[in-house]
Amino acid sequence: EDINFVAEPGKTTAIIGSTGCGKSTLVNLIPRLYDATEGSITLDGENIKNISMKELRDELGYVPQKGILFSGTIESNIKFGAPEASMDIVKEAAEIAQATEFIETKSAKYESPIAQGGTNVSGIEQLLDKYPYEVSGGQKQRLSIARAIAKNPKIFIFDDSFSALDLKTDAALRKALASKVTDSTVIIVAQRISTILHADQILVMDEGKIVGKGTHEELLKNCEVYQQIAKSQMSAKELGIDGKEEA
């Protein structure tokens, strides 16, 4: 309740807060997985309830908390939201999503089969390359992110999509993504402060409300909830807080 913010093209809006505070609920309103009971959500000034569901979702690249893969191949999974995408687009999306490192190890590469749900991407595929293979959580997530990138949407929604990635992969992916999606609106739900440090605006949620809005530096000064999250994850030195301020 009492939610009010603008997510602008070419900028990243991050959403952070404790478990159960409403982060996923908030972003799930955008693709109309359910509708707001009061107020309105607008896309380029148009109420999303007045836009057809297909038209609305065509504008979105949505990556949920748990990446979902479909039976087929790596290529067909990346092209799921953009069936007309060229192989160059598929490969670029995989590269940005940091997925090429494991795709290129397969003899069939982008033609490698994936079982329904992606339950099959891990170590044994090295021996059984011609069979559908086990996908680890991080691999599945990177392929889901590559799928959204290949679609080249107006709005990216990453609902805690980076938590399955190690910090190094997370950082490399976000850096590559930033150079690619210069005109898109990016919305990131995150648990880790490190994922959202450089967001243009950060929304801090607590019990279903926005209790802080601003950059990382601004929120460190004026938002107690954000300060608590930051101090629980990063050292005073990393946060640029000296001993006097800490005291």
Protein backbone atom coordinates (compact mmCIF):
# COMPACT_ATOMS: atom_id res chain seq x y z
CA GLU A 1 0.00 0.00 0.00
CA ASP A 2 0.99 3.65 -0.50
CA ILE A 3 3.32 2.65 -3.36
CA ASN A 4 4.38 5.46 -5.65
CA PHE A 5 7.40 5.53 -7.96
CA VAL A 6 8.47 6.04 -11.58
CA ALA A 7 10.85 3.60 -13.30
CA GLU A 8 12.47 5.41 -16.22
CA PRO A 9 13.88 4.10 -19.53
CA GLY A 10 17.65 3.73 -19.55
CA LYS A 11 17.72 3.55 -15.75
CA THR A 12 17.75 0.81 -13.13
CA THR A 13 15.21 0.74 -10.33
CA ALA A 14 16.11 -1.71 -7.57
CA ILE A 15 13.81 -3.04 -4.85
CA ILE A 16 15.17 -4.42 -1.60
CA GLY A 17 13.74 -5.39 1.78
CA SER A 18 13.35 -8.28 4.19
CA THR A 19 11.72 -11.59 3.22
CA GLY A 20 7.95 -11.25 2.90
CA CYS A 21 7.90 -7.44 2.68
CA GLY A 22 6.15 -7.41 -0.71
CA LYS A 23 8.96 -7.10 -3.27
CA SER A 24 7.77 -9.90 -5.58
CA THR A 25 4.13 -8.92 -5.05
CA LEU A 26 4.97 -5.43 -6.29
CA VAL A 27 6.73 -6.49 -9.51
CA ASN A 28 4.11 -9.19 -10.23
CA LEU A 29 1.56 -6.40 -10.64
CA ILE A 30 3.41 -5.17 -13.76
CA PRO A 31 2.71 -8.22 -15.99
CA ARG A 32 -0.75 -8.39 -14.36
CA LEU A 33 -0.22 -11.73 -12.66
CA TYR A 34 -2.76 -9.98 -10.49
CA ASP A 35 -4.16 -6.46 -10.54
CA ALA A 36 -3.82 -3.54 -8.19
CA THR A 37 -7.03 -3.06 -6.19
CA GLU A 38 -6.48 0.70 -5.94
CA GLY A 39 -4.53 3.25 -7.94
CA SER A 40 -3.02 2.46 -11.32
CA ILE A 41 0.12 1.25 -13.07
CA THR A 42 0.89 3.02 -16.32
CA LEU A 43 3.18 2.17 -19.23
CA ASP A 44 4.14 5.29 -21.20
CA GLY A 45 1.16 7.01 -19.59
CA GLU A 46 -1.36 4.30 -20.50
CA ASN A 47 -3.08 2.33 -17.74
CA ILE A 48 -1.92 -1.27 -18.18
CA LYS A 49 -5.52 -2.46 -17.67
CA ASN A 50 -6.33 -0.76 -20.99
CA ILE A 51 -3.55 -2.61 -22.84
CA SER A 52 -4.19 -6.13 -24.12
CA MET A 53 -2.43 -8.82 -22.09
CA LYS A 54 -0.42 -9.94 -25.12
CA GLU A 55 0.66 -6.41 -26.01
CA LEU A 56 1.64 -5.70 -22.40
CA ARG A 57 3.64 -8.89 -21.95
CA ASP A 58 5.33 -8.46 -25.33
CA GLU A 59 6.95 -5.36 -23.81
CA LEU A 60 8.31 -7.27 -20.80
CA GLY A 61 11.32 -9.47 -20.22
CA TYR A 62 10.44 -11.18 -16.93
CA VAL A 63 12.82 -13.48 -15.06
CA PRO A 64 11.26 -15.05 -11.95
CA GLN A 65 13.06 -16.11 -8.78
CA LYS A 66 13.36 -19.66 -10.04
CA GLY A 67 14.39 -19.93 -13.68
CA ILE A 68 12.14 -22.18 -15.77
CA LEU A 69 13.32 -24.10 -18.82
CA PHE A 70 11.27 -26.05 -21.38
CA SER A 71 11.92 -29.32 -23.16
CA GLY A 72 13.89 -28.65 -26.33
CA THR A 73 17.39 -27.29 -26.81
CA ILE A 74 19.43 -24.48 -25.33
CA GLU A 75 18.73 -22.47 -28.49
CA SER A 76 14.96 -23.02 -28.40
CA ASN A 77 14.88 -22.02 -24.73
CA ILE A 78 16.72 -18.76 -25.36
CA LYS A 79 14.46 -18.02 -28.37
CA PHE A 80 11.27 -18.84 -26.46
CA GLY A 81 10.18 -15.20 -26.19
CA ALA A 82 11.66 -14.22 -29.56
CA PRO A 83 11.20 -17.13 -32.01
CA GLU A 84 12.45 -15.04 -34.93
CA ALA A 85 15.73 -14.17 -33.21
CA SER A 86 18.86 -14.85 -35.26
CA MET A 87 21.67 -17.08 -34.01
CA ASP A 88 23.78 -13.96 -33.50
CA ILE A 89 21.16 -12.57 -31.11
CA VAL A 90 20.97 -15.93 -29.27
CA LYS A 91 24.75 -16.03 -28.85
CA GLU A 92 24.93 -12.39 -27.74
CA ALA A 93 22.19 -12.98 -25.16
CA ALA A 94 24.02 -16.05 -23.83
CA GLU A 95 27.26 -14.09 -23.66
CA ILE A 96 25.69 -11.22 -21.70
CA ALA A 97 24.02 -13.74 -19.36
CA GLN A 98 27.43 -15.39 -18.74
CA ALA A 99 26.06 -18.68 -20.10
CA THR A 100 28.59 -19.31 -22.87
CA GLU A 101 31.13 -20.81 -20.47
CA PHE A 102 29.02 -23.95 -20.00
CA ILE A 103 27.26 -23.94 -23.39
CA GLU A 104 30.58 -24.03 -25.24
CA THR A 105 31.74 -27.08 -23.27
CA LYS A 106 28.99 -29.18 -24.88
CA SER A 107 29.70 -30.91 -28.17
CA ALA A 108 26.25 -29.93 -29.47
CA LYS A 109 26.57 -26.43 -27.96
CA TYR A 110 23.30 -24.52 -28.64
CA GLU A 111 21.65 -27.68 -29.99
CA SER A 112 22.20 -29.47 -26.65
CA PRO A 113 18.88 -30.99 -25.51
CA ILE A 114 17.20 -29.90 -22.30
CA ALA A 115 14.54 -31.92 -20.49
CA GLN A 116 11.25 -30.35 -19.44
CA GLY A 117 11.75 -28.07 -16.45
CA GLY A 118 15.49 -28.03 -17.06
CA THR A 119 15.87 -30.70 -14.42
CA ASN A 120 18.79 -32.10 -16.32
CA VAL A 121 21.86 -29.60 -16.44
CA SER A 122 25.07 -30.69 -14.34
CA GLY A 123 28.12 -32.94 -14.40
CA ILE A 124 26.95 -36.19 -15.99
CA GLU A 125 26.15 -34.46 -19.27
CA GLN A 126 29.89 -34.44 -19.99
CA LEU A 127 29.57 -38.23 -20.38
CA LEU A 128 26.10 -38.32 -21.91
CA ASP A 129 26.23 -35.27 -24.14
CA LYS A 130 23.64 -36.57 -26.60
CA TYR A 131 21.00 -36.93 -23.87
CA PRO A 132 19.06 -34.18 -22.10
CA TYR A 133 21.28 -32.95 -19.30
CA GLU A 134 21.02 -31.69 -15.73
CA VAL A 135 20.95 -27.92 -15.36
CA SER A 136 22.28 -26.49 -12.11
CA GLY A 137 20.41 -23.61 -10.45
CA GLY A 138 22.96 -21.06 -11.67
CA GLN A 139 22.95 -22.43 -15.24
CA LYS A 140 19.16 -22.48 -15.35
CA GLN A 141 19.03 -18.91 -14.11
CA ARG A 142 21.56 -17.71 -16.69
CA LEU A 143 19.58 -19.34 -19.52
CA SER A 144 16.38 -17.71 -18.21
CA ILE A 145 18.15 -14.34 -18.17
CA ALA A 146 19.50 -14.95 -21.70
CA ARG A 147 15.91 -15.63 -22.84
CA ALA A 148 14.77 -12.23 -21.54
CA ILE A 149 17.76 -10.47 -23.14
CA ALA A 150 17.14 -12.10 -26.55
CA LYS A 151 13.59 -10.70 -26.47
CA ASN A 152 15.02 -7.15 -26.25
CA PRO A 153 12.01 -5.87 -24.29
CA LYS A 154 11.11 -2.34 -23.23
CA ILE A 155 11.10 -3.38 -19.57
CA PHE A 156 13.25 -5.95 -17.81
CA ILE A 157 11.97 -7.39 -14.53
CA PHE A 158 14.50 -9.46 -12.58
CA ASP A 159 12.74 -10.89 -9.53
CA ASP A 160 15.69 -11.89 -7.34
CA SER A 161 17.13 -13.49 -10.48
CA PHE A 162 20.77 -13.02 -9.49
CA SER A 163 20.71 -14.77 -6.10
CA ALA A 164 21.57 -18.16 -7.63
CA LEU A 165 24.74 -16.66 -9.12
CA ASP A 166 28.06 -16.25 -7.38
CA LEU A 167 29.19 -12.66 -6.76
CA LYS A 168 31.71 -12.66 -9.63
CA THR A 169 29.16 -13.91 -12.20
CA ASP A 170 26.53 -11.51 -10.81
CA ALA A 171 28.87 -8.54 -11.27
CA ALA A 172 30.01 -9.60 -14.77
CA LEU A 173 26.41 -10.16 -15.90
CA ARG A 174 25.16 -6.80 -14.65
CA LYS A 175 28.11 -4.99 -16.26
CA ALA A 176 27.47 -6.67 -19.63
CA LEU A 177 23.73 -6.05 -19.31
CA ALA A 178 24.21 -2.34 -18.58
CA SER A 179 26.07 -1.84 -21.85
CA LYS A 180 23.34 -3.66 -23.81
CA VAL A 181 20.09 -2.30 -22.39
CA THR A 182 20.77 1.44 -22.53
CA ASP A 183 17.20 2.28 -23.63
CA SER A 184 15.26 -0.24 -21.53
CA THR A 185 13.73 0.19 -18.10
CA VAL A 186 15.38 -2.26 -15.70
CA ILE A 187 13.68 -3.32 -12.45
CA ILE A 188 15.68 -5.54 -10.12
CA VAL A 189 14.39 -7.21 -6.96
CA ALA A 190 17.41 -8.19 -4.89
CA GLN A 191 18.46 -9.63 -1.56
CA ARG A 192 22.11 -8.57 -1.87
CA ILE A 193 23.18 -4.95 -1.50
CA SER A 194 26.12 -5.64 -3.83
CA THR A 195 23.68 -6.37 -6.68
CA ILE A 196 22.04 -2.94 -6.48
CA LEU A 197 24.83 -0.60 -5.32
CA HIS A 198 24.87 1.35 -8.57
CA ALA A 199 21.12 1.42 -9.29
CA ASP A 200 19.75 4.84 -10.30
CA GLN A 201 17.08 4.53 -7.62
CA ILE A 202 16.58 2.00 -4.85
CA LEU A 203 13.19 1.39 -3.25
CA VAL A 204 13.36 0.03 0.29
CA MET A 205 10.28 -1.97 1.27
CA ASP A 206 9.05 -2.91 4.72
CA GLU A 207 5.72 -4.58 5.49
CA GLY A 208 4.25 -3.77 2.08
CA LYS A 209 5.24 -0.10 2.02
CA ILE A 210 8.09 1.91 0.55
CA VAL A 211 10.05 3.26 3.52
CA GLY A 212 12.99 4.65 1.58
CA LYS A 213 13.73 5.86 -1.94
CA GLY A 214 17.03 7.11 -3.35
CA THR A 215 20.56 6.09 -4.30
CA HIS A 216 22.72 3.80 -2.17
CA GLU A 217 24.58 6.81 -0.74
CA GLU A 218 21.37 8.72 0.05
CA LEU A 219 19.73 5.74 1.73
CA LEU A 220 22.79 5.05 3.88
CA LYS A 221 22.29 8.53 5.32
CA ASN A 222 18.53 8.70 5.72
CA CYS A 223 16.90 5.22 5.75
CA GLU A 224 17.22 3.14 8.89
CA VAL A 225 15.87 -0.06 7.29
CA TYR A 226 18.43 0.21 4.48
CA GLN A 227 21.23 0.91 6.96
CA GLN A 228 20.34 -2.27 8.85
CA ILE A 229 20.35 -4.39 5.67
CA ALA A 230 23.61 -2.82 4.49
CA LYS A 231 25.42 -3.30 7.80
CA SER A 232 24.30 -6.93 8.00
CA GLN A 233 25.87 -7.66 4.59
CA MET A 234 28.88 -5.36 4.20
CA SER A 235 31.67 -4.08 6.40
CA ALA A 236 31.89 -0.45 7.52
CA LYS A 237 34.91 -0.05 5.23
CA GLU A 238 32.98 -1.40 2.21
CA LEU A 239 30.12 0.94 3.00
CA GLY A 240 32.46 3.91 3.42
CA ILE A 241 31.40 4.40 7.02
CA ASP A 242 34.23 5.47 9.30
CA GLY A 243 34.47 4.49 12.94
CA LYS A 244 32.98 7.73 14.25
CA GLU A 245 29.81 7.40 12.20
CA GLU A 246 29.53 3.74 13.15
CA ALA A 247 29.74 4.67 16.83
